[in-house]
N, C-alpha and C. Protein backbone atom coordinates (compact mmCIF):
# COMPACT_ATOMS: atom_id res chain seq x y z
N ILE A 1 0.85 -1.18 0.00
CA ILE A 1 0.00 0.00 0.00
C ILE A 1 0.89 1.23 0.00
N GLY A 2 0.52 2.21 -0.78
CA GLY A 2 1.35 3.39 -0.91
C GLY A 2 0.87 4.56 -0.06
N SER A 3 1.63 5.66 -0.14
CA SER A 3 1.28 6.87 0.59
C SER A 3 0.28 7.72 -0.19
N SER A 4 -0.11 7.26 -1.37
CA SER A 4 -1.24 7.83 -2.10
C SER A 4 -2.22 6.69 -2.33
N SER A 5 -3.44 7.01 -2.69
CA SER A 5 -4.48 6.00 -2.85
C SER A 5 -4.00 4.89 -3.79
N THR A 6 -4.10 3.65 -3.32
CA THR A 6 -3.61 2.48 -4.03
C THR A 6 -4.76 1.51 -4.29
N SER A 7 -4.94 1.09 -5.53
CA SER A 7 -5.98 0.12 -5.84
C SER A 7 -5.64 -1.23 -5.21
N VAL A 8 -6.59 -1.79 -4.47
CA VAL A 8 -6.41 -3.10 -3.85
C VAL A 8 -7.09 -4.17 -4.69
N LEU A 9 -8.34 -3.93 -5.07
CA LEU A 9 -9.10 -4.86 -5.91
C LEU A 9 -10.00 -4.08 -6.85
N ALA A 10 -10.13 -4.57 -8.06
CA ALA A 10 -11.09 -4.01 -9.01
C ALA A 10 -12.49 -4.45 -8.62
N ALA A 11 -13.48 -3.76 -9.15
CA ALA A 11 -14.87 -4.18 -8.95
C ALA A 11 -15.04 -5.62 -9.44
N ASN A 12 -15.88 -6.38 -8.74
CA ASN A 12 -16.08 -7.78 -9.10
C ASN A 12 -17.51 -8.18 -8.74
N PRO A 13 -18.40 -8.31 -9.72
CA PRO A 13 -19.78 -8.66 -9.43
C PRO A 13 -19.95 -10.09 -8.89
N ASN A 14 -18.90 -10.90 -8.98
CA ASN A 14 -18.97 -12.29 -8.50
C ASN A 14 -18.32 -12.48 -7.13
N ARG A 15 -17.90 -11.40 -6.50
CA ARG A 15 -17.26 -11.49 -5.18
C ARG A 15 -18.28 -12.02 -4.16
N ARG A 16 -17.85 -13.00 -3.36
CA ARG A 16 -18.72 -13.58 -2.33
C ARG A 16 -18.14 -13.47 -0.93
N PHE A 17 -16.82 -13.40 -0.79
CA PHE A 17 -16.23 -13.07 0.50
C PHE A 17 -14.91 -12.37 0.27
N LEU A 18 -14.51 -11.64 1.30
CA LEU A 18 -13.31 -10.82 1.20
C LEU A 18 -12.69 -10.68 2.58
N PHE A 19 -11.38 -10.90 2.66
CA PHE A 19 -10.62 -10.67 3.88
C PHE A 19 -9.46 -9.73 3.55
N LEU A 20 -9.33 -8.66 4.31
CA LEU A 20 -8.19 -7.76 4.21
C LEU A 20 -7.53 -7.72 5.58
N VAL A 21 -6.22 -7.93 5.64
CA VAL A 21 -5.50 -7.91 6.91
C VAL A 21 -4.28 -7.02 6.77
N ASN A 22 -4.13 -6.11 7.71
CA ASN A 22 -2.98 -5.21 7.73
C ASN A 22 -1.78 -5.96 8.30
N ASP A 23 -0.86 -6.32 7.45
CA ASP A 23 0.34 -7.08 7.83
C ASP A 23 1.53 -6.13 7.86
N SER A 24 1.36 -4.99 8.54
CA SER A 24 2.43 -4.01 8.60
C SER A 24 2.47 -3.35 9.97
N ASP A 25 3.41 -2.44 10.13
CA ASP A 25 3.60 -1.74 11.41
C ASP A 25 2.99 -0.34 11.38
N GLU A 26 2.06 -0.11 10.46
CA GLU A 26 1.46 1.22 10.29
C GLU A 26 -0.01 1.07 9.96
N ASN A 27 -0.85 1.97 10.45
CA ASN A 27 -2.27 1.93 10.14
C ASN A 27 -2.50 2.09 8.64
N ILE A 28 -3.53 1.40 8.14
CA ILE A 28 -3.95 1.49 6.75
C ILE A 28 -5.43 1.87 6.75
N TYR A 29 -5.79 2.76 5.82
CA TYR A 29 -7.18 3.19 5.68
C TYR A 29 -7.72 2.67 4.35
N VAL A 30 -8.90 2.05 4.41
CA VAL A 30 -9.52 1.42 3.24
C VAL A 30 -10.73 2.23 2.80
N SER A 31 -10.89 2.36 1.51
CA SER A 31 -12.05 3.03 0.93
C SER A 31 -12.79 2.04 0.04
N LEU A 32 -14.08 1.95 0.23
CA LEU A 32 -14.93 1.13 -0.62
C LEU A 32 -15.53 2.03 -1.69
N GLY A 33 -15.00 1.93 -2.90
CA GLY A 33 -15.57 2.64 -4.04
C GLY A 33 -15.07 4.04 -4.30
N GLY A 34 -14.03 4.46 -3.65
CA GLY A 34 -13.52 5.80 -3.90
C GLY A 34 -12.03 5.87 -3.68
N ILE A 35 -11.53 7.08 -3.69
CA ILE A 35 -10.11 7.31 -3.43
C ILE A 35 -9.87 7.22 -1.94
N ALA A 36 -8.87 6.45 -1.53
CA ALA A 36 -8.53 6.32 -0.12
C ALA A 36 -7.84 7.59 0.37
N VAL A 37 -8.20 8.00 1.58
CA VAL A 37 -7.67 9.21 2.19
C VAL A 37 -7.22 8.87 3.61
N LEU A 38 -6.06 9.39 4.00
CA LEU A 38 -5.58 9.16 5.37
C LEU A 38 -6.60 9.65 6.40
N ASN A 39 -6.76 8.87 7.46
CA ASN A 39 -7.65 9.19 8.58
C ASN A 39 -9.13 9.24 8.20
N GLU A 40 -9.50 8.60 7.10
CA GLU A 40 -10.90 8.49 6.68
C GLU A 40 -11.17 7.06 6.21
N GLY A 41 -12.42 6.68 6.23
CA GLY A 41 -12.79 5.36 5.75
C GLY A 41 -12.65 4.30 6.82
N ILE A 42 -12.30 3.11 6.42
CA ILE A 42 -12.20 1.96 7.33
C ILE A 42 -10.76 1.84 7.79
N LEU A 43 -10.55 1.94 9.09
CA LEU A 43 -9.22 1.84 9.68
C LEU A 43 -8.85 0.39 9.92
N LEU A 44 -7.71 -0.03 9.38
CA LEU A 44 -7.12 -1.33 9.70
C LEU A 44 -5.87 -1.02 10.51
N THR A 45 -5.91 -1.29 11.80
CA THR A 45 -4.81 -0.94 12.66
C THR A 45 -3.57 -1.77 12.36
N ALA A 46 -2.42 -1.20 12.69
CA ALA A 46 -1.14 -1.88 12.47
C ALA A 46 -1.12 -3.23 13.17
N GLY A 47 -0.41 -4.17 12.58
CA GLY A 47 -0.19 -5.46 13.21
C GLY A 47 -1.39 -6.38 13.26
N GLY A 48 -2.26 -6.34 12.25
CA GLY A 48 -3.32 -7.34 12.20
C GLY A 48 -4.74 -6.82 12.11
N GLY A 49 -4.93 -5.51 12.04
CA GLY A 49 -6.28 -5.00 11.85
C GLY A 49 -6.88 -5.61 10.60
N ALA A 50 -8.15 -5.99 10.66
CA ALA A 50 -8.74 -6.75 9.56
C ALA A 50 -10.14 -6.30 9.22
N LEU A 51 -10.53 -6.57 7.99
CA LEU A 51 -11.88 -6.35 7.50
C LEU A 51 -12.33 -7.64 6.85
N THR A 52 -13.49 -8.13 7.27
CA THR A 52 -14.07 -9.34 6.68
C THR A 52 -15.46 -8.99 6.16
N LEU A 53 -15.70 -9.30 4.91
CA LEU A 53 -17.02 -9.12 4.32
C LEU A 53 -17.47 -10.45 3.73
N ASP A 54 -18.73 -10.79 3.95
CA ASP A 54 -19.26 -11.99 3.33
C ASP A 54 -20.54 -11.63 2.58
N ILE A 55 -21.21 -12.60 2.08
CA ILE A 55 -22.36 -12.40 1.20
C ILE A 55 -23.43 -11.52 1.84
N ALA A 56 -23.56 -11.54 3.16
CA ALA A 56 -24.59 -10.76 3.84
C ALA A 56 -24.31 -9.25 3.77
N ALA A 57 -23.05 -8.86 3.63
CA ALA A 57 -22.68 -7.44 3.59
C ALA A 57 -21.57 -7.21 2.58
N MET A 58 -21.76 -7.73 1.37
CA MET A 58 -20.68 -7.71 0.39
C MET A 58 -20.61 -6.39 -0.36
N TRP A 59 -19.38 -5.91 -0.58
CA TRP A 59 -19.11 -4.77 -1.44
C TRP A 59 -18.55 -5.33 -2.74
N LEU A 60 -19.18 -4.99 -3.86
CA LEU A 60 -18.77 -5.53 -5.16
C LEU A 60 -17.92 -4.56 -5.96
N GLY A 61 -17.81 -3.32 -5.49
CA GLY A 61 -17.07 -2.30 -6.22
C GLY A 61 -15.58 -2.32 -5.95
N GLU A 62 -14.90 -1.32 -6.50
CA GLU A 62 -13.45 -1.18 -6.33
C GLU A 62 -13.11 -0.90 -4.87
N ILE A 63 -11.94 -1.38 -4.47
CA ILE A 63 -11.43 -1.16 -3.11
C ILE A 63 -10.05 -0.56 -3.22
N SER A 64 -9.82 0.51 -2.47
CA SER A 64 -8.50 1.14 -2.46
C SER A 64 -8.06 1.37 -1.01
N ALA A 65 -6.78 1.66 -0.84
CA ALA A 65 -6.23 1.85 0.51
C ALA A 65 -5.07 2.83 0.46
N ILE A 66 -4.69 3.32 1.65
CA ILE A 66 -3.60 4.27 1.78
C ILE A 66 -2.95 4.12 3.15
N CYS A 67 -1.68 4.47 3.26
CA CYS A 67 -0.99 4.54 4.55
C CYS A 67 -0.08 5.77 4.53
N ALA A 68 0.46 6.13 5.67
CA ALA A 68 1.21 7.38 5.79
C ALA A 68 2.55 7.35 5.05
N SER A 69 3.33 6.30 5.24
CA SER A 69 4.69 6.31 4.69
C SER A 69 4.85 5.55 3.38
N GLY A 70 3.92 4.66 3.07
CA GLY A 70 4.00 3.87 1.84
C GLY A 70 4.76 2.58 2.02
N SER A 71 4.68 1.71 1.02
CA SER A 71 5.38 0.42 0.99
C SER A 71 5.01 -0.49 2.16
N LYS A 72 3.73 -0.53 2.51
CA LYS A 72 3.26 -1.40 3.60
C LYS A 72 2.43 -2.54 3.02
N ASN A 73 2.36 -3.65 3.76
CA ASN A 73 1.69 -4.87 3.28
C ASN A 73 0.25 -4.96 3.75
N LEU A 74 -0.63 -5.25 2.82
CA LEU A 74 -2.03 -5.56 3.09
C LEU A 74 -2.30 -6.90 2.43
N THR A 75 -2.65 -7.90 3.22
CA THR A 75 -2.95 -9.21 2.62
C THR A 75 -4.42 -9.24 2.23
N VAL A 76 -4.70 -9.91 1.10
CA VAL A 76 -6.03 -9.92 0.52
C VAL A 76 -6.41 -11.35 0.16
N SER A 77 -7.63 -11.73 0.52
CA SER A 77 -8.19 -13.00 0.09
C SER A 77 -9.61 -12.73 -0.40
N GLU A 78 -9.87 -13.06 -1.65
CA GLU A 78 -11.17 -12.81 -2.25
C GLU A 78 -11.74 -14.13 -2.78
N GLY A 79 -12.97 -14.41 -2.42
CA GLY A 79 -13.65 -15.58 -2.94
C GLY A 79 -14.72 -15.16 -3.92
N THR A 80 -14.85 -15.89 -5.00
CA THR A 80 -15.83 -15.52 -6.03
C THR A 80 -16.71 -16.70 -6.37
N LEU A 81 -17.83 -16.36 -6.97
CA LEU A 81 -18.76 -17.34 -7.51
C LEU A 81 -18.54 -17.35 -9.01
N THR A 82 -18.25 -18.49 -9.56
CA THR A 82 -18.06 -18.59 -11.00
C THR A 82 -19.43 -18.63 -11.66
N PRO A 83 -19.70 -17.70 -12.58
CA PRO A 83 -21.01 -17.71 -13.24
C PRO A 83 -21.20 -19.00 -14.03
N PRO A 84 -22.47 -19.44 -14.15
CA PRO A 84 -22.72 -20.68 -14.90
C PRO A 84 -22.39 -20.56 -16.36
């Protein structure tokens, strides 16, 4: 994740679950559907802050994130439904 808004995942109409985990020593801020801004949006705290979304509360749009200094790790796991 960079010090400017960084794309994490593109929009995906087949997304069924999503896990984001902050695997760094710095807070990361996540934006659902817009440009990520420091100190706004969903805070993933340093050292394991996480966001879990499943089918009951799924966001299908683009996801972006930002951190203060840049070059920080955000782990991502996305599950999808394959269309018939």
